[in-house]
Amino acid sequence: MAENRTYIPPDNLPVEEPIAALPQEESLPPAAQTPPEDPLVVVPSNVPPVHPPITLTLAEIEQEAKALGAKASGVEPAAPIEEPTVVVHTYENDMARAMNVSDAKTVQALLNNARDRESFEQLERHNKKARGWYTAGSIILLLVALAAIGYGAYHYNRLTVPVTDSVSIGVFSSTDSILSTSTTIEPLLQELITTNQEFSVNKPYLVELVADSTTQTLLSNTALFSFMGANPTEPFATSLSVVRLGIVDTGEKTLPFIIASTTTPDITLKEFLIAEPSMLEMFKRALTIDTTTIAPETTTKFVGEYRYNVPVRTLYTTDLSGNKILTMLYASVTDNIIVITTDPAVLKAVYDTVLRQ
């Protein structure tokens, strides 16, 4: 007959403490729960107790691993970095908060002020832009006006010559008007020399050569030079203010002369000195000089002399017989009047007439 035995574990046997499980929000299923201890069931000591499953996220597992590693190495784990809280302000949220803390009248006043400021700023920007365009347009118009003024001044200086007061050649009697287009220089002088009109002795007369019989306009200097068959250089012609053709009866013969005035005596005398080699050819027709009677080897060099206390430049030539003859002379009877002739008696008649004025 079997004996009833009761197993009583000794007091000194080691008792293994169960591993504490992490708290779970949900209860474990019945199969995973620890069965109630039966005092009659012998549980071997080498069998591990059954623990509920651990449910952790990947981030929590990584954080636990870092903490265990830091604890094992003796380093305190770093405190987790807190992400800054980002506060996003929107117009709707700000308006909602403003409406919560303010009454409707205050909010309406703020909105009206904001609208007024916005309208004022828009108007100011528009005016500023308009002022910029007006300023740019004004600058452009000013530059155009300055360019037009400069262009006009440039062409005015280029196309005009300075006006200077002409110097009179003196008061002389004149012949009847003669139309320059109806005759030439040689027939005109031949007619004046052989005319039945009586000229007073030693009284100079100016030949009244006109370009138009209706207006009685005298020939200009350029037209008179052309009528006399002269071809002076431009500086020579422009240095003279007035040029006239004259005639005088010396008592022995009637001779022509040329009288001119100048406002720049120094320049005019210099131009005469430059033109001396060509003056015989220039004025031979107007002074009725017959160059066929002059020896070909004759020089055209003028010499300085004094006649009637007046400095004179005289040209002597040699005729075909070898005789020295006075062919041409010119002198300044005053500071501004020059006379060109072929006889000193003509120079004296003109000089005396000018002095008597």
Protein backbone atom coordinates (compact mmCIF):
# COMPACT_ATOMS: atom_id res chain seq x y z
CA MET A 1 0.00 0.00 0.00
CA ALA A 2 1.56 3.30 -1.07
CA GLU A 3 2.23 5.95 1.45
CA ASN A 4 0.93 9.47 1.14
CA ARG A 5 3.89 11.84 1.08
CA THR A 6 3.92 15.60 1.14
CA TYR A 7 6.90 17.39 -0.42
CA ILE A 8 8.04 20.27 1.66
CA PRO A 9 10.90 22.24 0.11
CA PRO A 10 13.69 23.10 2.43
CA ASP A 11 14.05 26.60 3.69
CA ASN A 12 17.53 27.05 2.35
CA LEU A 13 16.82 26.41 -1.33
CA PRO A 14 17.48 29.48 -3.57
CA VAL A 15 14.48 31.09 -4.94
CA GLU A 16 14.90 32.87 -8.28
CA GLU A 17 13.25 36.26 -8.43
CA PRO A 18 11.18 36.90 -11.55
CA ILE A 19 12.32 39.62 -14.00
CA ALA A 20 10.07 42.64 -13.80
CA ALA A 21 8.29 43.27 -17.03
CA LEU A 22 7.57 46.71 -18.50
CA PRO A 23 4.09 47.96 -17.81
CA GLN A 24 1.72 47.32 -20.66
CA GLU A 25 -1.35 49.26 -21.49
CA GLU A 26 -3.30 46.13 -22.35
CA SER A 27 -3.56 42.96 -20.28
CA LEU A 28 -1.68 39.88 -21.40
CA PRO A 29 -3.63 37.09 -23.04
CA PRO A 30 -4.61 34.20 -20.81
CA ALA A 31 -2.08 31.86 -22.39
CA ALA A 32 0.77 34.21 -21.55
CA GLN A 33 -0.27 34.67 -17.89
CA THR A 34 1.72 32.91 -15.21
CA PRO A 35 -0.21 29.87 -13.93
CA PRO A 36 -0.94 29.74 -10.22
CA GLU A 37 1.66 28.04 -8.20
CA ASP A 38 0.82 24.52 -7.19
CA PRO A 39 2.54 23.47 -3.98
CA LEU A 40 2.57 19.93 -5.20
CA VAL A 41 4.22 20.74 -8.59
CA VAL A 42 7.95 20.62 -8.53
CA VAL A 43 9.50 23.30 -10.75
CA PRO A 44 13.06 22.64 -11.73
CA SER A 45 15.42 25.42 -10.90
CA ASN A 46 17.03 25.55 -14.34
CA VAL A 47 13.80 26.38 -16.14
CA PRO A 48 13.45 30.19 -16.70
CA PRO A 49 10.19 31.73 -15.83
CA VAL A 50 7.83 32.84 -18.57
CA HIS A 51 7.77 36.65 -19.04
CA PRO A 52 5.29 38.71 -20.99
CA PRO A 53 6.60 40.09 -24.39
CA ILE A 54 8.24 43.53 -24.41
CA THR A 55 6.68 45.92 -26.93
CA LEU A 56 9.01 48.93 -27.61
CA THR A 57 9.41 51.22 -30.59
CA LEU A 58 12.62 51.41 -32.57
CA ALA A 59 13.45 54.87 -31.22
CA GLU A 60 12.87 53.71 -27.63
CA ILE A 61 15.07 50.66 -28.19
CA GLU A 62 17.87 52.88 -29.59
CA GLN A 63 17.50 55.24 -26.65
CA GLU A 64 17.63 52.32 -24.14
CA ALA A 65 20.69 50.90 -25.89
CA LYS A 66 22.48 54.25 -25.72
CA ALA A 67 21.60 54.58 -22.04
CA LEU A 68 22.90 51.06 -21.24
CA GLY A 69 26.08 51.72 -23.21
CA ALA A 70 26.70 55.01 -21.43
CA LYS A 71 26.03 53.35 -18.05
CA ALA A 72 28.42 50.52 -18.81
CA SER A 73 31.15 52.99 -19.79
CA GLY A 74 30.54 55.17 -16.72
CA VAL A 75 29.37 58.18 -18.75
CA GLU A 76 26.14 59.87 -17.87
CA PRO A 77 23.71 59.82 -20.80
CA ALA A 78 23.12 63.18 -22.45
CA ALA A 79 19.82 64.76 -21.90
CA PRO A 80 17.55 64.51 -24.93
CA ILE A 81 17.54 67.62 -27.15
CA GLU A 82 14.25 69.30 -27.12
CA GLU A 83 13.14 70.58 -30.50
CA PRO A 84 12.16 74.28 -30.46
CA THR A 85 8.53 74.93 -30.75
CA VAL A 86 7.72 76.68 -34.03
CA VAL A 87 4.93 79.16 -33.79
CA VAL A 88 3.39 80.07 -37.14
CA HIS A 89 1.57 83.39 -37.26
CA THR A 90 -1.13 83.73 -39.82
CA TYR A 91 -3.45 86.57 -40.54
CA GLU A 92 -6.46 84.53 -39.57
CA ASN A 93 -4.95 83.45 -36.22
CA ASP A 94 -3.78 86.95 -35.39
CA MET A 95 -7.18 88.35 -36.23
CA ALA A 96 -8.88 85.68 -34.13
CA ARG A 97 -6.64 86.48 -31.14
CA ALA A 98 -7.17 90.21 -31.67
CA MET A 99 -10.92 89.70 -31.79
CA ASN A 100 -10.73 87.69 -28.57
CA VAL A 101 -8.86 90.40 -26.65
CA SER A 102 -10.41 93.49 -28.32
CA ASP A 103 -13.85 94.68 -29.06
CA ALA A 104 -15.21 95.05 -32.59
CA LYS A 105 -14.97 98.86 -32.66
CA THR A 106 -11.27 98.85 -31.81
CA VAL A 107 -10.54 96.24 -34.48
CA GLN A 108 -12.55 98.21 -37.04
CA ALA A 109 -10.62 101.38 -36.20
CA LEU A 110 -7.33 99.54 -36.60
CA LEU A 111 -8.43 98.17 -39.98
CA ASN A 112 -9.49 101.63 -41.14
CA ASN A 113 -6.15 103.13 -40.09
CA ALA A 114 -4.31 100.34 -41.90
CA ARG A 115 -6.31 100.93 -45.07
CA ASP A 116 -5.65 104.68 -44.89
CA ARG A 117 -1.91 104.13 -44.45
CA GLU A 118 -1.86 101.69 -47.36
CA SER A 119 -3.72 104.15 -49.61
CA PHE A 120 -1.37 106.95 -48.59
CA GLU A 121 1.70 104.83 -49.31
CA GLN A 122 0.35 103.83 -52.73
CA LEU A 123 -0.35 107.47 -53.57
CA GLU A 124 3.12 108.46 -52.38
CA ARG A 125 4.76 105.78 -54.52
CA HIS A 126 2.73 106.93 -57.53
CA ASN A 127 3.70 110.57 -56.98
CA LYS A 128 7.34 109.66 -56.50
CA LYS A 129 7.36 107.69 -59.74
CA ALA A 130 5.62 110.54 -61.58
CA ARG A 131 8.15 113.04 -60.20
CA GLY A 132 10.95 110.79 -61.45
CA TRP A 133 9.51 110.76 -64.97
CA TYR A 134 8.97 114.52 -64.91
CA THR A 135 12.54 115.09 -63.74
CA ALA A 136 13.96 112.83 -66.46
CA GLY A 137 11.86 114.59 -69.10
CA SER A 138 12.96 118.01 -67.89
CA ILE A 139 16.63 116.99 -68.01
CA ILE A 140 16.22 115.64 -71.55
CA LEU A 141 14.49 118.83 -72.71
CA LEU A 142 17.20 120.93 -71.08
CA LEU A 143 19.93 118.96 -72.83
CA VAL A 144 18.12 119.31 -76.17
CA ALA A 145 17.79 123.07 -75.62
CA LEU A 146 21.48 123.39 -74.75
CA ALA A 147 22.43 121.35 -77.82
CA ALA A 148 20.24 123.57 -80.02
CA ILE A 149 21.83 126.71 -78.55
CA GLY A 150 25.32 125.32 -79.08
CA TYR A 151 24.48 124.24 -82.63
CA GLY A 152 23.06 127.68 -83.44
CA ALA A 153 26.04 129.49 -81.92
CA TYR A 154 28.48 127.26 -83.82
CA HIS A 155 26.78 127.88 -87.17
CA TYR A 156 26.34 131.57 -86.41
CA ASN A 157 30.09 131.89 -85.91
CA ARG A 158 30.81 129.78 -88.99
CA LEU A 159 28.35 131.43 -91.38
CA THR A 160 28.69 135.05 -90.32
CA VAL A 161 31.59 137.47 -90.17
CA PRO A 162 32.06 140.18 -87.57
CA VAL A 163 30.68 143.52 -88.63
CA THR A 164 33.15 146.37 -88.39
CA ASP A 165 32.65 150.01 -89.17
CA SER A 166 34.09 150.85 -92.56
CA VAL A 167 36.46 153.77 -92.92
CA SER A 168 35.55 156.43 -95.46
CA ILE A 169 37.96 157.17 -98.27
CA GLY A 170 37.04 160.82 -98.06
CA VAL A 171 34.71 163.14 -99.89
CA PHE A 172 35.33 163.30 -103.63
CA SER A 173 33.38 164.38 -106.66
CA SER A 174 32.12 161.60 -108.88
CA THR A 175 31.37 161.01 -112.51
CA ASP A 176 28.01 160.09 -113.93
CA SER A 177 26.72 156.59 -113.11
CA ILE A 178 28.12 153.91 -115.39
CA LEU A 179 26.55 150.45 -115.56
CA SER A 180 29.34 147.93 -115.14
CA THR A 181 27.63 145.31 -117.31
CA SER A 182 27.51 147.64 -120.31
CA THR A 183 31.27 148.09 -120.70
CA THR A 184 34.73 146.84 -119.69
CA ILE A 185 37.65 148.54 -118.02
CA GLU A 186 39.67 149.53 -121.11
CA PRO A 187 36.85 151.19 -123.11
CA LEU A 188 35.62 152.91 -119.97
CA LEU A 189 38.98 154.50 -119.15
CA GLN A 190 39.57 155.43 -122.79
CA GLU A 191 36.23 157.20 -122.86
CA LEU A 192 36.91 159.03 -119.57
CA ILE A 193 40.34 160.15 -120.72
CA THR A 194 39.22 161.38 -124.14
CA THR A 195 35.76 162.62 -123.14
CA ASN A 196 34.58 166.08 -123.86
CA GLN A 197 33.62 166.37 -120.20
CA GLU A 198 36.05 168.76 -118.61
CA PHE A 199 37.60 167.71 -115.28
CA SER A 200 38.97 170.32 -112.94
CA VAL A 201 42.75 170.25 -112.79
CA ASN A 202 44.22 168.44 -109.78
CA LYS A 203 40.75 167.53 -108.57
CA PRO A 204 40.22 163.79 -108.09
CA TYR A 205 36.95 162.24 -109.28
CA LEU A 206 35.54 158.82 -108.35
CA VAL A 207 34.16 156.67 -111.15
CA GLU A 208 30.55 155.82 -110.29
CA LEU A 209 30.36 152.14 -111.31
CA VAL A 210 26.98 150.62 -110.43
CA ALA A 211 25.68 147.06 -110.63
CA ASP A 212 22.06 148.07 -111.27
CA SER A 213 20.87 151.21 -113.01
CA THR A 214 17.60 151.16 -111.08
CA THR A 215 18.92 150.89 -107.54
CA GLN A 216 22.24 152.63 -108.32
CA THR A 217 24.05 150.14 -106.11
CA LEU A 218 27.82 150.51 -106.26
CA LEU A 219 29.99 147.53 -107.10
CA SER A 220 31.31 145.57 -104.16
CA ASN A 221 35.05 145.17 -103.65
CA THR A 222 35.03 141.69 -105.16
CA ALA A 223 32.99 142.81 -108.16
CA LEU A 224 35.23 145.85 -108.69
CA PHE A 225 38.39 143.72 -108.61
CA SER A 226 36.79 141.43 -111.15
CA PHE A 227 35.80 144.41 -113.35
CA MET A 228 39.38 145.75 -113.25
CA GLY A 229 40.75 142.34 -114.24
CA ALA A 230 42.61 141.98 -110.94
CA ASN A 231 42.86 138.70 -109.12
CA PRO A 232 44.10 139.48 -105.58
CA THR A 233 44.58 136.92 -102.87
CA GLU A 234 41.83 136.55 -100.33
CA PRO A 235 43.83 138.07 -97.42
CA PHE A 236 44.70 141.04 -99.62
CA ALA A 237 41.08 141.63 -100.64
CA THR A 238 39.61 141.13 -97.16
CA SER A 239 42.12 143.53 -95.57
CA LEU A 240 40.50 146.41 -97.48
CA SER A 241 37.18 147.93 -96.39
CA VAL A 242 36.31 150.12 -99.39
CA VAL A 243 37.89 150.11 -102.85
CA ARG A 244 37.05 152.72 -105.55
CA LEU A 245 38.35 153.57 -109.02
CA GLY A 246 39.14 157.26 -109.64
CA ILE A 247 40.48 159.63 -112.29
CA VAL A 248 42.29 162.99 -112.07
CA ASP A 249 43.51 165.63 -114.53
CA THR A 250 47.04 166.67 -113.55
CA GLY A 251 47.13 169.52 -116.10
CA GLU A 252 49.30 167.50 -118.44
CA LYS A 253 47.27 164.33 -118.79
CA THR A 254 44.32 162.52 -117.31
CA LEU A 255 45.28 159.44 -115.31
CA PRO A 256 43.34 156.81 -113.32
CA PHE A 257 44.07 155.80 -109.73
CA ILE A 258 42.79 153.35 -107.13
CA ILE A 259 41.91 154.47 -103.61
CA ALA A 260 41.10 152.14 -100.71
CA SER A 261 40.44 152.35 -96.96
CA THR A 262 41.27 149.87 -94.23
CA THR A 263 40.53 149.34 -90.56
CA THR A 264 43.72 147.34 -90.01
CA PRO A 265 46.60 149.37 -91.48
CA ASP A 266 49.34 147.08 -90.24
CA ILE A 267 47.75 143.98 -91.78
CA THR A 268 46.96 145.79 -95.03
CA LEU A 269 50.53 147.09 -95.47
CA LYS A 270 51.86 143.61 -94.79
CA GLU A 271 49.54 142.19 -97.46
CA PHE A 272 50.70 144.89 -99.91
CA LEU A 273 54.33 143.97 -99.28
CA ILE A 274 53.51 140.31 -99.93
CA ALA A 275 51.63 141.20 -103.14
CA GLU A 276 54.32 143.52 -104.57
CA PRO A 277 55.75 140.96 -107.05
CA SER A 278 52.31 140.55 -108.67
CA MET A 279 50.92 144.08 -108.31
CA LEU A 280 52.04 145.16 -111.80
CA GLU A 281 50.15 142.29 -113.39
CA MET A 282 47.22 142.78 -111.02
CA PHE A 283 46.53 146.48 -111.70
CA LYS A 284 48.00 147.09 -115.17
CA ARG A 285 44.57 147.24 -116.83
CA ALA A 286 43.03 149.55 -114.21
CA LEU A 287 46.04 151.95 -114.35
CA THR A 288 46.45 151.76 -118.19
CA ILE A 289 50.03 150.44 -117.95
CA ASP A 290 51.35 149.15 -121.27
CA THR A 291 53.58 146.23 -120.31
CA THR A 292 54.62 145.68 -123.92
CA THR A 293 56.96 148.68 -123.65
CA ILE A 294 58.73 147.23 -120.62
CA ALA A 295 61.90 145.21 -121.11
CA PRO A 296 61.42 141.53 -120.32
CA GLU A 297 64.38 141.46 -117.89
CA THR A 298 62.86 144.19 -115.73
CA THR A 299 62.38 143.21 -112.09
CA THR A 300 59.20 143.93 -110.17
CA LYS A 301 60.89 144.99 -106.96
CA PHE A 302 59.51 148.06 -105.19
CA VAL A 303 61.77 150.51 -103.38
CA GLY A 304 60.99 152.82 -100.47
CA GLU A 305 61.00 156.59 -101.00
CA TYR A 306 59.56 159.79 -99.55
CA ARG A 307 57.44 162.09 -101.70
CA TYR A 308 55.65 165.13 -100.26
CA ASN A 309 56.73 163.93 -96.80
CA VAL A 310 54.83 160.70 -97.36
CA PRO A 311 56.52 157.27 -97.37
CA VAL A 312 56.02 155.74 -100.79
CA ARG A 313 56.72 152.32 -102.30
CA THR A 314 57.78 152.81 -105.94
CA LEU A 315 58.27 150.38 -108.82
CA TYR A 316 60.86 151.34 -111.46
CA THR A 317 61.10 149.47 -114.74
CA THR A 318 63.22 149.72 -117.89
CA ASP A 319 61.74 150.36 -121.28
CA LEU A 320 62.88 148.77 -124.49
CA SER A 321 65.39 151.58 -125.00
CA GLY A 322 66.99 150.93 -121.63
CA ASN A 323 65.59 153.99 -119.91
CA LYS A 324 64.51 153.78 -116.28
CA ILE A 325 60.91 154.85 -115.82
CA LEU A 326 58.57 155.12 -112.84
CA THR A 327 55.83 152.57 -113.49
CA MET A 328 53.74 152.31 -110.30
CA LEU A 329 53.66 153.56 -106.74
CA TYR A 330 51.45 153.26 -103.67
CA ALA A 331 51.39 155.13 -100.39
CA SER A 332 49.32 155.69 -97.26
CA VAL A 333 48.08 159.28 -97.42
CA THR A 334 46.56 158.76 -93.96
CA ASP A 335 46.65 155.91 -91.47
CA ASN A 336 43.58 154.34 -93.10
CA ILE A 337 43.67 155.47 -96.76
CA ILE A 338 45.94 153.96 -99.45
CA VAL A 339 46.39 155.29 -102.99
CA ILE A 340 47.74 153.29 -105.96
CA THR A 341 48.72 155.25 -109.09
CA THR A 342 51.35 155.70 -111.83
CA ASP A 343 52.26 159.37 -111.30
CA PRO A 344 53.38 161.27 -108.17
CA ALA A 345 51.21 164.22 -109.29
CA VAL A 346 48.10 162.08 -108.86
CA LEU A 347 49.28 161.11 -105.36
CA LYS A 348 49.76 164.80 -104.49
CA ALA A 349 46.28 165.75 -105.81
CA VAL A 350 44.60 163.02 -103.75
CA TYR A 351 46.75 163.80 -100.70
CA ASP A 352 45.89 167.50 -100.81
CA THR A 353 42.19 166.74 -101.21
CA VAL A 354 42.18 164.47 -98.18
CA LEU A 355 44.10 166.99 -96.08
CA ARG A 356 41.62 169.75 -96.91
CA GLN A 357 38.69 167.68 -95.55
